[in-house]
N, C-alpha and C. Protein backbone atom coordinates (compact mmCIF):
# COMPACT_ATOMS: atom_id res chain seq x y z
N MET A 1 -22.53 -32.06 -80.67
CA MET A 1 -22.21 -30.64 -80.86
C MET A 1 -23.02 -29.82 -79.87
N VAL A 2 -22.33 -28.82 -79.22
CA VAL A 2 -22.95 -27.96 -78.21
C VAL A 2 -23.03 -26.56 -78.77
N PHE A 3 -24.24 -25.98 -78.67
CA PHE A 3 -24.47 -24.61 -79.14
C PHE A 3 -24.60 -23.70 -77.93
N TRP A 4 -23.82 -22.62 -77.92
CA TRP A 4 -23.89 -21.63 -76.84
C TRP A 4 -24.76 -20.47 -77.28
N THR A 5 -25.75 -20.20 -76.53
CA THR A 5 -26.65 -19.08 -76.80
C THR A 5 -26.33 -17.94 -75.86
N PRO A 6 -26.74 -16.72 -76.19
CA PRO A 6 -26.48 -15.58 -75.28
C PRO A 6 -27.12 -15.78 -73.93
N GLY A 7 -28.32 -16.40 -73.91
CA GLY A 7 -28.98 -16.62 -72.62
C GLY A 7 -28.19 -17.55 -71.72
N SER A 8 -27.64 -18.61 -72.30
CA SER A 8 -26.87 -19.55 -71.48
C SER A 8 -25.60 -18.89 -70.95
N ILE A 9 -24.99 -18.02 -71.77
CA ILE A 9 -23.78 -17.32 -71.31
C ILE A 9 -24.12 -16.39 -70.15
N ILE A 10 -25.27 -15.69 -70.25
CA ILE A 10 -25.69 -14.78 -69.18
C ILE A 10 -26.00 -15.57 -67.91
N ASN A 11 -26.72 -16.70 -68.05
CA ASN A 11 -27.04 -17.52 -66.87
C ASN A 11 -25.77 -18.06 -66.22
N LYS A 12 -24.80 -18.46 -67.08
CA LYS A 12 -23.55 -18.96 -66.52
C LYS A 12 -22.82 -17.87 -65.74
N GLY A 13 -22.85 -16.63 -66.27
CA GLY A 13 -22.20 -15.53 -65.55
C GLY A 13 -22.89 -15.22 -64.24
N LYS A 14 -24.24 -15.29 -64.24
CA LYS A 14 -24.98 -15.03 -62.99
C LYS A 14 -24.68 -16.11 -61.97
N ASN A 15 -24.65 -17.36 -62.42
CA ASN A 15 -24.36 -18.46 -61.48
C ASN A 15 -22.95 -18.33 -60.89
N GLN A 16 -22.00 -17.94 -61.77
CA GLN A 16 -20.64 -17.77 -61.27
C GLN A 16 -20.55 -16.62 -60.28
N LYS A 17 -21.25 -15.53 -60.56
CA LYS A 17 -21.25 -14.39 -59.65
C LYS A 17 -21.90 -14.76 -58.33
N ARG A 18 -23.03 -15.52 -58.41
CA ARG A 18 -23.71 -15.95 -57.18
C ARG A 18 -22.80 -16.86 -56.37
N GLY A 19 -22.07 -17.71 -57.06
CA GLY A 19 -21.13 -18.59 -56.34
C GLY A 19 -20.02 -17.80 -55.67
N ASN A 20 -19.53 -16.76 -56.33
CA ASN A 20 -18.49 -15.93 -55.72
C ASN A 20 -19.02 -15.19 -54.50
N ASP A 21 -20.28 -14.69 -54.62
CA ASP A 21 -20.89 -13.99 -53.47
C ASP A 21 -21.06 -14.93 -52.29
N VAL A 22 -21.50 -16.16 -52.57
CA VAL A 22 -21.67 -17.14 -51.49
C VAL A 22 -20.34 -17.47 -50.84
N ALA A 23 -19.30 -17.60 -51.69
CA ALA A 23 -17.97 -17.89 -51.15
C ALA A 23 -17.45 -16.74 -50.29
N ASP A 24 -17.68 -15.49 -50.79
CA ASP A 24 -17.23 -14.33 -50.01
C ASP A 24 -17.96 -14.24 -48.68
N SER A 25 -19.28 -14.45 -48.70
CA SER A 25 -20.05 -14.37 -47.46
C SER A 25 -19.65 -15.47 -46.48
N SER A 26 -19.41 -16.67 -47.02
CA SER A 26 -19.01 -17.77 -46.15
C SER A 26 -17.63 -17.51 -45.55
N SER A 27 -16.70 -16.98 -46.36
CA SER A 27 -15.37 -16.66 -45.83
C SER A 27 -15.45 -15.54 -44.80
N GLY A 28 -16.36 -14.56 -45.03
CA GLY A 28 -16.54 -13.50 -44.05
C GLY A 28 -17.10 -14.02 -42.73
N ARG A 29 -18.05 -14.97 -42.83
CA ARG A 29 -18.59 -15.57 -41.59
C ARG A 29 -17.53 -16.37 -40.87
N VAL A 30 -16.70 -17.08 -41.62
CA VAL A 30 -15.63 -17.85 -40.98
C VAL A 30 -14.64 -16.94 -40.27
N ALA A 31 -14.27 -15.82 -40.95
CA ALA A 31 -13.34 -14.88 -40.32
C ALA A 31 -13.95 -14.24 -39.07
N GLU A 32 -15.24 -13.89 -39.15
CA GLU A 32 -15.90 -13.30 -37.99
C GLU A 32 -15.99 -14.31 -36.86
N ARG A 33 -16.29 -15.59 -37.21
CA ARG A 33 -16.36 -16.62 -36.18
C ARG A 33 -15.01 -16.82 -35.52
N LYS A 34 -13.94 -16.80 -36.32
CA LYS A 34 -12.60 -16.94 -35.76
C LYS A 34 -12.27 -15.78 -34.84
N ARG A 35 -12.69 -14.56 -35.25
CA ARG A 35 -12.41 -13.40 -34.42
C ARG A 35 -13.13 -13.49 -33.09
N HIS A 36 -14.42 -13.90 -33.13
CA HIS A 36 -15.18 -14.05 -31.90
C HIS A 36 -14.60 -15.17 -31.04
N SER A 37 -14.23 -16.29 -31.68
CA SER A 37 -13.67 -17.39 -30.91
C SER A 37 -12.34 -16.99 -30.29
N GLY A 38 -11.54 -16.19 -31.01
CA GLY A 38 -10.28 -15.72 -30.44
C GLY A 38 -10.50 -14.82 -29.25
N LEU A 39 -11.52 -13.94 -29.32
CA LEU A 39 -11.83 -13.05 -28.20
C LEU A 39 -12.32 -13.84 -27.00
N VAL A 40 -13.18 -14.82 -27.25
CA VAL A 40 -13.67 -15.67 -26.16
C VAL A 40 -12.53 -16.47 -25.55
N GLY A 41 -11.64 -16.99 -26.39
CA GLY A 41 -10.49 -17.72 -25.88
C GLY A 41 -9.57 -16.85 -25.04
N PHE A 42 -9.44 -15.58 -25.44
CA PHE A 42 -8.61 -14.66 -24.66
C PHE A 42 -9.19 -14.46 -23.26
N PHE A 43 -10.50 -14.26 -23.17
CA PHE A 43 -11.13 -14.06 -21.86
C PHE A 43 -11.05 -15.33 -21.02
N ILE A 44 -11.23 -16.48 -21.65
CA ILE A 44 -11.12 -17.74 -20.90
C ILE A 44 -9.71 -17.92 -20.37
N ARG A 45 -8.71 -17.63 -21.20
CA ARG A 45 -7.32 -17.75 -20.76
C ARG A 45 -7.00 -16.73 -19.67
N LEU A 46 -7.60 -15.53 -19.77
CA LEU A 46 -7.38 -14.51 -18.75
C LEU A 46 -7.95 -14.94 -17.41
N VAL A 47 -9.14 -15.55 -17.44
CA VAL A 47 -9.76 -16.01 -16.19
C VAL A 47 -8.94 -17.14 -15.57
N LYS A 48 -8.41 -18.03 -16.39
CA LYS A 48 -7.64 -19.15 -15.87
C LYS A 48 -6.28 -18.73 -15.34
N GLU A 49 -5.59 -17.85 -16.08
CA GLU A 49 -4.22 -17.49 -15.71
C GLU A 49 -4.17 -16.35 -14.70
N LYS A 50 -5.09 -15.40 -14.79
CA LYS A 50 -5.09 -14.22 -13.91
C LYS A 50 -6.47 -14.06 -13.26
N PRO A 51 -6.83 -14.94 -12.34
CA PRO A 51 -8.18 -14.82 -11.74
C PRO A 51 -8.34 -13.56 -10.91
N LEU A 52 -7.31 -13.20 -10.13
CA LEU A 52 -7.41 -11.99 -9.32
C LEU A 52 -7.45 -10.74 -10.20
N GLY A 53 -6.67 -10.74 -11.27
CA GLY A 53 -6.72 -9.61 -12.20
C GLY A 53 -8.07 -9.49 -12.88
N THR A 54 -8.69 -10.63 -13.18
CA THR A 54 -10.02 -10.61 -13.79
C THR A 54 -11.05 -10.03 -12.83
N VAL A 55 -10.96 -10.43 -11.58
CA VAL A 55 -11.90 -9.89 -10.57
C VAL A 55 -11.70 -8.39 -10.42
N GLY A 56 -10.44 -7.95 -10.36
CA GLY A 56 -10.17 -6.52 -10.27
C GLY A 56 -10.67 -5.76 -11.49
N GLY A 57 -10.50 -6.34 -12.68
CA GLY A 57 -11.00 -5.69 -13.88
C GLY A 57 -12.51 -5.58 -13.90
N VAL A 58 -13.20 -6.63 -13.44
CA VAL A 58 -14.67 -6.58 -13.38
C VAL A 58 -15.13 -5.51 -12.41
N ILE A 59 -14.48 -5.42 -11.24
CA ILE A 59 -14.85 -4.40 -10.26
C ILE A 59 -14.61 -3.00 -10.81
N THR A 60 -13.47 -2.82 -11.50
CA THR A 60 -13.17 -1.52 -12.09
C THR A 60 -14.19 -1.13 -13.16
N LEU A 61 -14.56 -2.08 -14.00
CA LEU A 61 -15.57 -1.80 -15.03
C LEU A 61 -16.92 -1.48 -14.41
N LEU A 62 -17.27 -2.17 -13.33
CA LEU A 62 -18.53 -1.87 -12.64
C LEU A 62 -18.51 -0.46 -12.05
N LEU A 63 -17.37 -0.07 -11.47
CA LEU A 63 -17.26 1.28 -10.93
C LEU A 63 -17.36 2.33 -12.03
N LEU A 64 -16.68 2.07 -13.15
CA LEU A 64 -16.76 3.00 -14.28
C LEU A 64 -18.19 3.11 -14.80
N PHE A 65 -18.85 1.97 -14.96
CA PHE A 65 -20.23 1.98 -15.45
C PHE A 65 -21.14 2.71 -14.48
N THR A 66 -20.97 2.44 -13.19
CA THR A 66 -21.81 3.09 -12.18
C THR A 66 -21.56 4.60 -12.14
N GLY A 67 -20.28 5.00 -12.25
CA GLY A 67 -19.98 6.42 -12.21
C GLY A 67 -20.48 7.16 -13.44
N ILE A 68 -20.40 6.54 -14.60
CA ILE A 68 -20.84 7.22 -15.82
C ILE A 68 -22.36 7.35 -15.86
N PHE A 69 -23.07 6.29 -15.47
CA PHE A 69 -24.54 6.28 -15.57
C PHE A 69 -25.19 6.43 -14.21
N ALA A 70 -24.56 7.19 -13.31
CA ALA A 70 -25.11 7.37 -11.97
C ALA A 70 -26.47 8.07 -12.01
N ASP A 71 -26.64 9.01 -12.93
CA ASP A 71 -27.91 9.74 -13.01
C ASP A 71 -29.08 8.82 -13.37
N PHE A 72 -28.79 7.74 -14.08
CA PHE A 72 -29.86 6.83 -14.49
C PHE A 72 -30.01 5.66 -13.52
N LEU A 73 -28.95 5.31 -12.80
CA LEU A 73 -29.01 4.16 -11.91
C LEU A 73 -29.54 4.52 -10.52
N ALA A 74 -29.26 5.73 -10.07
CA ALA A 74 -29.68 6.12 -8.72
C ALA A 74 -31.19 6.33 -8.68
N PRO A 75 -31.87 5.74 -7.70
CA PRO A 75 -33.34 5.92 -7.62
C PRO A 75 -33.74 7.32 -7.20
N TYR A 76 -32.89 8.02 -6.44
CA TYR A 76 -33.20 9.37 -5.97
C TYR A 76 -31.99 10.27 -6.19
N GLY A 77 -32.17 11.55 -5.95
CA GLY A 77 -31.09 12.50 -6.11
C GLY A 77 -30.05 12.36 -5.01
N TYR A 78 -28.90 12.98 -5.25
CA TYR A 78 -27.80 12.86 -4.30
C TYR A 78 -28.15 13.51 -2.96
N ASN A 79 -28.78 14.65 -2.99
CA ASN A 79 -29.15 15.38 -1.77
C ASN A 79 -30.66 15.48 -1.59
N GLU A 80 -31.39 14.57 -2.20
CA GLU A 80 -32.85 14.59 -2.05
C GLU A 80 -33.22 14.14 -0.64
N LEU A 81 -34.02 14.94 0.06
CA LEU A 81 -34.36 14.71 1.46
C LEU A 81 -35.75 14.09 1.59
N PHE A 82 -35.84 13.19 2.54
CA PHE A 82 -37.13 12.60 2.95
C PHE A 82 -37.22 12.76 4.46
N THR A 83 -37.73 13.93 4.87
CA THR A 83 -37.73 14.27 6.29
C THR A 83 -38.60 13.33 7.12
N ALA A 84 -39.56 12.70 6.51
CA ALA A 84 -40.41 11.77 7.25
C ALA A 84 -39.80 10.39 7.35
N ASP A 85 -38.67 10.16 6.69
CA ASP A 85 -38.05 8.82 6.68
C ASP A 85 -36.58 8.92 7.09
N MET A 86 -36.30 9.58 8.19
CA MET A 86 -34.93 9.70 8.67
C MET A 86 -34.52 8.45 9.44
N LEU A 87 -33.29 7.98 9.17
CA LEU A 87 -32.73 6.79 9.84
C LEU A 87 -33.64 5.57 9.68
N VAL A 88 -34.17 5.41 8.47
CA VAL A 88 -35.03 4.26 8.18
C VAL A 88 -34.14 3.07 7.82
N PRO A 89 -34.41 1.88 8.33
CA PRO A 89 -33.62 0.70 7.97
C PRO A 89 -33.87 0.29 6.52
N PRO A 90 -33.04 -0.59 5.98
CA PRO A 90 -33.25 -1.05 4.59
C PRO A 90 -34.65 -1.62 4.39
N SER A 91 -35.26 -1.23 3.27
CA SER A 91 -36.62 -1.66 2.94
C SER A 91 -36.76 -1.73 1.44
N ALA A 92 -37.98 -2.02 0.98
CA ALA A 92 -38.23 -2.11 -0.46
C ALA A 92 -38.09 -0.75 -1.12
N ARG A 93 -38.37 0.33 -0.38
CA ARG A 93 -38.27 1.67 -0.94
C ARG A 93 -36.84 2.20 -0.86
N PHE A 94 -36.20 2.00 0.28
CA PHE A 94 -34.81 2.42 0.48
C PHE A 94 -33.98 1.15 0.73
N TRP A 95 -33.28 0.71 -0.28
CA TRP A 95 -32.59 -0.58 -0.20
C TRP A 95 -31.48 -0.59 0.84
N LEU A 96 -30.81 0.54 1.02
CA LEU A 96 -29.76 0.65 2.03
C LEU A 96 -30.17 1.56 3.19
N GLY A 97 -31.43 1.90 3.27
CA GLY A 97 -31.90 2.78 4.33
C GLY A 97 -31.61 4.24 4.04
N THR A 98 -31.80 5.08 5.05
CA THR A 98 -31.55 6.51 4.94
C THR A 98 -30.65 6.96 6.08
N ASP A 99 -30.07 8.15 5.91
CA ASP A 99 -29.20 8.70 6.96
C ASP A 99 -30.00 9.59 7.90
N HIS A 100 -29.28 10.35 8.74
CA HIS A 100 -29.96 11.17 9.75
C HIS A 100 -30.70 12.36 9.16
N LEU A 101 -30.44 12.66 7.88
CA LEU A 101 -31.16 13.75 7.21
C LEU A 101 -32.27 13.25 6.29
N GLY A 102 -32.43 11.93 6.19
CA GLY A 102 -33.45 11.38 5.32
C GLY A 102 -33.01 11.19 3.88
N ARG A 103 -31.71 11.11 3.63
CA ARG A 103 -31.21 10.91 2.27
C ARG A 103 -31.00 9.43 2.01
N ASP A 104 -31.34 9.01 0.80
CA ASP A 104 -31.21 7.60 0.42
C ASP A 104 -29.74 7.22 0.33
N MET A 105 -29.35 6.20 1.08
CA MET A 105 -27.94 5.80 1.12
C MET A 105 -27.50 5.14 -0.18
N LEU A 106 -28.36 4.37 -0.83
CA LEU A 106 -28.00 3.73 -2.09
C LEU A 106 -27.68 4.76 -3.16
N SER A 107 -28.49 5.81 -3.23
CA SER A 107 -28.24 6.86 -4.22
C SER A 107 -26.93 7.58 -3.94
N ARG A 108 -26.63 7.80 -2.68
CA ARG A 108 -25.39 8.48 -2.33
C ARG A 108 -24.17 7.59 -2.62
N VAL A 109 -24.31 6.28 -2.44
CA VAL A 109 -23.22 5.37 -2.79
C VAL A 109 -22.99 5.36 -4.29
N ILE A 110 -24.07 5.34 -5.07
CA ILE A 110 -23.94 5.32 -6.53
C ILE A 110 -23.29 6.60 -7.03
N PHE A 111 -23.72 7.75 -6.52
CA PHE A 111 -23.10 9.01 -6.93
C PHE A 111 -21.68 9.12 -6.39
N GLY A 112 -21.41 8.51 -5.24
CA GLY A 112 -20.04 8.52 -4.72
C GLY A 112 -19.07 7.75 -5.59
N ALA A 113 -19.57 6.75 -6.33
CA ALA A 113 -18.70 6.01 -7.24
C ALA A 113 -18.15 6.92 -8.32
N ARG A 114 -18.93 7.89 -8.76
CA ARG A 114 -18.44 8.84 -9.77
C ARG A 114 -17.28 9.65 -9.24
N VAL A 115 -17.41 10.13 -8.01
CA VAL A 115 -16.32 10.91 -7.40
C VAL A 115 -15.07 10.04 -7.23
N SER A 116 -15.26 8.81 -6.80
CA SER A 116 -14.12 7.91 -6.61
C SER A 116 -13.39 7.64 -7.92
N VAL A 117 -14.15 7.43 -8.99
CA VAL A 117 -13.53 7.17 -10.30
C VAL A 117 -12.76 8.38 -10.80
N ILE A 118 -13.35 9.57 -10.66
CA ILE A 118 -12.68 10.79 -11.13
C ILE A 118 -11.40 11.03 -10.35
N VAL A 119 -11.48 10.95 -9.02
CA VAL A 119 -10.30 11.20 -8.19
C VAL A 119 -9.23 10.14 -8.43
N GLY A 120 -9.63 8.88 -8.50
CA GLY A 120 -8.66 7.80 -8.68
C GLY A 120 -7.93 7.89 -10.01
N LEU A 121 -8.67 8.07 -11.10
CA LEU A 121 -8.04 8.12 -12.43
C LEU A 121 -7.18 9.36 -12.59
N ALA A 122 -7.68 10.51 -12.13
CA ALA A 122 -6.91 11.75 -12.27
C ALA A 122 -5.64 11.72 -11.43
N ALA A 123 -5.74 11.24 -10.18
CA ALA A 123 -4.55 11.16 -9.33
C ALA A 123 -3.53 10.16 -9.88
N THR A 124 -4.00 9.05 -10.41
CA THR A 124 -3.09 8.07 -11.00
C THR A 124 -2.38 8.63 -12.23
N ALA A 125 -3.11 9.39 -13.05
CA ALA A 125 -2.49 10.01 -14.23
C ALA A 125 -1.41 11.01 -13.82
N ILE A 126 -1.70 11.83 -12.81
CA ILE A 126 -0.70 12.80 -12.34
C ILE A 126 0.52 12.08 -11.76
N ALA A 127 0.27 11.04 -10.97
CA ALA A 127 1.39 10.28 -10.37
C ALA A 127 2.25 9.64 -11.44
N THR A 128 1.63 9.09 -12.47
CA THR A 128 2.41 8.45 -13.54
C THR A 128 3.24 9.47 -14.31
N LEU A 129 2.63 10.60 -14.67
CA LEU A 129 3.37 11.63 -15.40
C LEU A 129 4.52 12.19 -14.57
N LEU A 130 4.27 12.42 -13.29
CA LEU A 130 5.31 12.97 -12.43
C LEU A 130 6.48 12.00 -12.26
N SER A 131 6.17 10.75 -12.00
CA SER A 131 7.23 9.76 -11.80
C SER A 131 8.02 9.52 -13.08
N VAL A 132 7.33 9.48 -14.22
CA VAL A 132 8.04 9.29 -15.49
C VAL A 132 8.93 10.49 -15.80
N PHE A 133 8.42 11.69 -15.53
CA PHE A 133 9.22 12.89 -15.78
C PHE A 133 10.47 12.91 -14.91
N ILE A 134 10.33 12.62 -13.62
CA ILE A 134 11.50 12.60 -12.73
C ILE A 134 12.46 11.49 -13.14
N GLY A 135 11.93 10.33 -13.52
CA GLY A 135 12.80 9.23 -13.94
C GLY A 135 13.59 9.56 -15.18
N ILE A 136 12.93 10.17 -16.18
CA ILE A 136 13.64 10.55 -17.41
C ILE A 136 14.69 11.61 -17.12
N LEU A 137 14.32 12.59 -16.28
CA LEU A 137 15.27 13.66 -15.96
C LEU A 137 16.50 13.12 -15.23
N CYS A 138 16.28 12.26 -14.26
CA CYS A 138 17.41 11.69 -13.52
C CYS A 138 18.23 10.75 -14.39
N GLY A 139 17.57 10.00 -15.26
CA GLY A 139 18.32 9.12 -16.14
C GLY A 139 19.13 9.88 -17.17
N TYR A 140 18.64 11.04 -17.61
CA TYR A 140 19.37 11.83 -18.60
C TYR A 140 20.54 12.59 -17.97
N ILE A 141 20.31 13.19 -16.80
CA ILE A 141 21.38 13.97 -16.15
C ILE A 141 22.36 13.04 -15.44
N GLY A 142 21.79 12.14 -14.61
CA GLY A 142 22.62 11.18 -13.89
C GLY A 142 23.52 11.84 -12.86
N GLY A 143 24.53 11.10 -12.47
CA GLY A 143 25.52 11.66 -11.55
C GLY A 143 24.96 11.98 -10.17
N LYS A 144 25.46 13.10 -9.60
CA LYS A 144 25.05 13.49 -8.26
C LYS A 144 23.58 13.89 -8.19
N PHE A 145 23.09 14.46 -9.28
CA PHE A 145 21.67 14.85 -9.29
C PHE A 145 20.78 13.63 -9.12
N ASP A 146 21.07 12.57 -9.83
CA ASP A 146 20.29 11.34 -9.70
C ASP A 146 20.41 10.77 -8.29
N LEU A 147 21.61 10.82 -7.71
CA LEU A 147 21.83 10.30 -6.36
C LEU A 147 21.05 11.10 -5.32
N ILE A 148 21.06 12.42 -5.44
CA ILE A 148 20.34 13.27 -4.48
C ILE A 148 18.84 13.04 -4.57
N VAL A 149 18.32 12.95 -5.79
CA VAL A 149 16.88 12.73 -5.96
C VAL A 149 16.49 11.37 -5.40
N GLN A 150 17.29 10.35 -5.62
CA GLN A 150 16.96 9.02 -5.09
C GLN A 150 16.95 9.02 -3.56
N ARG A 151 17.91 9.70 -2.94
CA ARG A 151 17.92 9.75 -1.48
C ARG A 151 16.72 10.53 -0.94
N PHE A 152 16.33 11.58 -1.65
CA PHE A 152 15.15 12.34 -1.22
C PHE A 152 13.89 11.49 -1.34
N VAL A 153 13.78 10.73 -2.42
CA VAL A 153 12.62 9.86 -2.61
C VAL A 153 12.61 8.75 -1.56
N ASP A 154 13.77 8.21 -1.24
CA ASP A 154 13.84 7.18 -0.19
C ASP A 154 13.36 7.73 1.15
N ALA A 155 13.77 8.95 1.48
CA ALA A 155 13.31 9.56 2.73
C ALA A 155 11.81 9.84 2.67
N TRP A 156 11.31 10.24 1.51
CA TRP A 156 9.88 10.50 1.36
C TRP A 156 9.07 9.23 1.53
N MET A 157 9.56 8.11 1.01
CA MET A 157 8.84 6.85 1.12
C MET A 157 8.81 6.32 2.55
N CYS A 158 9.73 6.79 3.39
CA CYS A 158 9.70 6.37 4.80
C CYS A 158 8.59 7.06 5.59
N LEU A 159 8.09 8.18 5.10
CA LEU A 159 7.04 8.91 5.81
C LEU A 159 5.68 8.27 5.54
N PRO A 160 4.77 8.35 6.52
CA PRO A 160 3.43 7.78 6.31
C PRO A 160 2.69 8.53 5.20
N TRP A 161 2.18 7.76 4.25
CA TRP A 161 1.55 8.35 3.06
C TRP A 161 0.31 9.15 3.44
N LEU A 162 -0.51 8.61 4.32
CA LEU A 162 -1.75 9.28 4.71
C LEU A 162 -1.48 10.54 5.51
N VAL A 163 -0.48 10.50 6.36
CA VAL A 163 -0.13 11.69 7.16
C VAL A 163 0.34 12.82 6.26
N MET A 164 1.18 12.50 5.28
CA MET A 164 1.65 13.53 4.35
C MET A 164 0.49 14.11 3.54
N LEU A 165 -0.44 13.25 3.17
CA LEU A 165 -1.59 13.73 2.42
C LEU A 165 -2.44 14.67 3.27
N MET A 166 -2.63 14.33 4.53
CA MET A 166 -3.40 15.20 5.43
C MET A 166 -2.69 16.52 5.68
N ILE A 167 -1.36 16.50 5.77
CA ILE A 167 -0.61 17.74 5.97
C ILE A 167 -0.75 18.65 4.76
N ILE A 168 -0.62 18.09 3.57
CA ILE A 168 -0.75 18.89 2.35
C ILE A 168 -2.16 19.46 2.23
N MET A 169 -3.17 18.64 2.52
CA MET A 169 -4.55 19.12 2.45
C MET A 169 -4.80 20.22 3.48
N GLY A 170 -4.18 20.09 4.66
CA GLY A 170 -4.35 21.13 5.67
C GLY A 170 -3.68 22.44 5.28
N LEU A 171 -2.54 22.36 4.57
CA LEU A 171 -1.85 23.57 4.17
C LEU A 171 -2.51 24.25 2.97
N VAL A 172 -2.93 23.46 2.00
CA VAL A 172 -3.48 24.01 0.77
C VAL A 172 -4.97 24.35 0.91
N GLY A 173 -5.72 23.46 1.57
CA GLY A 173 -7.15 23.67 1.71
C GLY A 173 -7.95 22.52 1.11
N PRO A 174 -9.21 22.38 1.50
CA PRO A 174 -10.04 21.29 0.99
C PRO A 174 -10.48 21.53 -0.45
N GLY A 175 -11.02 20.47 -1.06
CA GLY A 175 -11.51 20.56 -2.43
C GLY A 175 -11.09 19.35 -3.24
N MET A 176 -11.89 19.01 -4.25
CA MET A 176 -11.58 17.84 -5.07
C MET A 176 -10.30 18.04 -5.86
N LEU A 177 -10.11 19.22 -6.44
CA LEU A 177 -8.91 19.47 -7.23
C LEU A 177 -7.66 19.39 -6.36
N THR A 178 -7.75 19.95 -5.15
CA THR A 178 -6.63 19.88 -4.23
C THR A 178 -6.31 18.44 -3.84
N LEU A 179 -7.35 17.65 -3.61
CA LEU A 179 -7.17 16.25 -3.26
C LEU A 179 -6.51 15.48 -4.40
N ILE A 180 -6.92 15.74 -5.63
CA ILE A 180 -6.35 15.04 -6.78
C ILE A 180 -4.86 15.37 -6.92
N ILE A 181 -4.53 16.66 -6.82
CA ILE A 181 -3.13 17.07 -6.97
C ILE A 181 -2.28 16.50 -5.83
N ALA A 182 -2.79 16.58 -4.60
CA ALA A 182 -2.03 16.07 -3.46
C ALA A 182 -1.80 14.57 -3.57
N MET A 183 -2.83 13.81 -3.93
CA MET A 183 -2.67 12.37 -4.08
C MET A 183 -1.71 12.04 -5.22
N GLY A 184 -1.80 12.79 -6.31
CA GLY A 184 -0.90 12.55 -7.44
C GLY A 184 0.55 12.80 -7.10
N VAL A 185 0.82 13.90 -6.37
CA VAL A 185 2.20 14.23 -6.01
C VAL A 185 2.76 13.23 -5.00
N VAL A 186 1.97 12.94 -3.96
CA VAL A 186 2.44 12.04 -2.90
C VAL A 186 2.71 10.64 -3.46
N SER A 187 1.77 10.12 -4.22
CA SER A 187 1.95 8.77 -4.75
C SER A 187 2.95 8.75 -5.91
N GLY A 188 3.08 9.85 -6.65
CA GLY A 188 4.04 9.90 -7.75
C GLY A 188 5.47 9.81 -7.28
N LEU A 189 5.79 10.49 -6.18
CA LEU A 189 7.14 10.38 -5.64
C LEU A 189 7.42 8.99 -5.11
N GLY A 190 6.38 8.34 -4.57
CA GLY A 190 6.56 6.97 -4.10
C GLY A 190 6.75 5.99 -5.25
N VAL A 191 6.02 6.19 -6.34
CA VAL A 191 6.15 5.30 -7.49
C VAL A 191 7.52 5.44 -8.14
N TYR A 192 8.10 6.64 -8.09
CA TYR A 192 9.41 6.84 -8.70
C TYR A 192 10.47 5.94 -8.07
N GLY A 193 10.28 5.54 -6.81
CA GLY A 193 11.26 4.69 -6.16
C GLY A 193 11.47 3.36 -6.85
N VAL A 194 10.51 2.94 -7.69
CA VAL A 194 10.65 1.68 -8.41
C VAL A 194 11.41 1.86 -9.72
N TYR A 195 11.47 3.08 -10.23
CA TYR A 195 12.01 3.31 -11.56
C TYR A 195 13.53 3.16 -11.69
N PRO A 196 14.35 3.53 -10.68
CA PRO A 196 15.80 3.40 -10.90
C PRO A 196 16.25 2.00 -11.27
N THR A 197 15.69 0.98 -10.64
CA THR A 197 16.07 -0.39 -10.99
C THR A 197 15.71 -0.72 -12.42
N THR A 198 14.52 -0.31 -12.84
CA THR A 198 14.10 -0.55 -14.22
C THR A 198 14.99 0.21 -15.20
N ARG A 199 15.38 1.42 -14.83
CA ARG A 199 16.22 2.22 -15.71
C ARG A 199 17.60 1.60 -15.88
N LEU A 200 18.11 0.98 -14.83
CA LEU A 200 19.42 0.34 -14.93
C LEU A 200 19.40 -0.84 -15.90
N HIS A 201 18.27 -1.55 -15.95
CA HIS A 201 18.16 -2.66 -16.89
C HIS A 201 18.06 -2.17 -18.33
N LEU A 202 17.44 -1.02 -18.53
CA LEU A 202 17.26 -0.51 -19.89
C LEU A 202 18.48 0.26 -20.39
N ARG A 203 19.25 0.80 -19.47
CA ARG A 203 20.39 1.62 -19.88
C ARG A 203 21.56 0.72 -20.29
N PRO A 204 22.21 0.98 -21.42
CA PRO A 204 23.35 0.14 -21.85
C PRO A 204 24.49 0.22 -20.84
N PRO A 205 25.26 -0.87 -20.68
CA PRO A 205 26.40 -0.86 -19.77
C PRO A 205 27.44 0.17 -20.19
N SER A 206 28.28 0.53 -19.21
CA SER A 206 29.28 1.58 -19.47
C SER A 206 30.31 1.15 -20.50
N HIS A 207 30.64 -0.15 -20.56
CA HIS A 207 31.65 -0.58 -21.52
C HIS A 207 31.17 -0.43 -22.96
N LEU A 208 29.84 -0.50 -23.18
CA LEU A 208 29.31 -0.27 -24.52
C LEU A 208 29.47 1.20 -24.92
N TRP A 209 29.24 2.09 -23.94
CA TRP A 209 29.47 3.52 -24.23
C TRP A 209 30.95 3.75 -24.59
N ALA A 210 31.85 3.08 -23.89
CA ALA A 210 33.27 3.26 -24.17
C ALA A 210 33.64 2.75 -25.56
N VAL A 211 33.03 1.61 -25.95
CA VAL A 211 33.30 1.07 -27.29
C VAL A 211 32.77 2.01 -28.35
N ASN A 212 31.56 2.55 -28.15
CA ASN A 212 31.00 3.48 -29.14
C ASN A 212 31.84 4.75 -29.23
N GLY A 213 32.35 5.21 -28.09
CA GLY A 213 33.19 6.42 -28.12
C GLY A 213 34.52 6.15 -28.84
N ALA A 214 35.04 4.94 -28.67
CA ALA A 214 36.31 4.62 -29.34
C ALA A 214 36.14 4.50 -30.84
N VAL A 215 34.96 3.97 -31.26
CA VAL A 215 34.70 3.83 -32.69
C VAL A 215 34.45 5.20 -33.32
């Protein structure tokens, strides 16, 4: 005969609760381990299948990191002058040397990464929005309007990209904002040239429109 006391019931409940906690913690560790292993497997597969893309991604991340933390990474200021050390070759103090005004070249390269990141990302965003807008407009209107825009874009793509950019900058004037807008417009019209083929694949064939109209 077995006698159950209140103490044994309480101990049994504590042991069961402790076992549930251990099971939950172990399942949580297993799920976290699977998540980490899946992330590591993704990066390994990315390196194996897309090595050039991985290298480009690493370079882009380095540029982003350098541009964001340029104030902490640069050893000197962007325009800090060292008049006694003009045109100094690379040394322990100036890793990339100095220019004709005595400015540290490494610091200027690091701060230049910030400008490159801002101009590149902003111009790419403008180019993408412009090309998508023109593509949607031409796909919606179609007809002669789409044909005229495509011929204009084809003629634009035949012109030298850098020359057109220099002409626009000469007409509008210098400045970072002007450069971003000019690069976005010039490259956006060029990117649109790829969209008509993609739009034709996404657009339903004409016979489907006829069937829907008949129904």
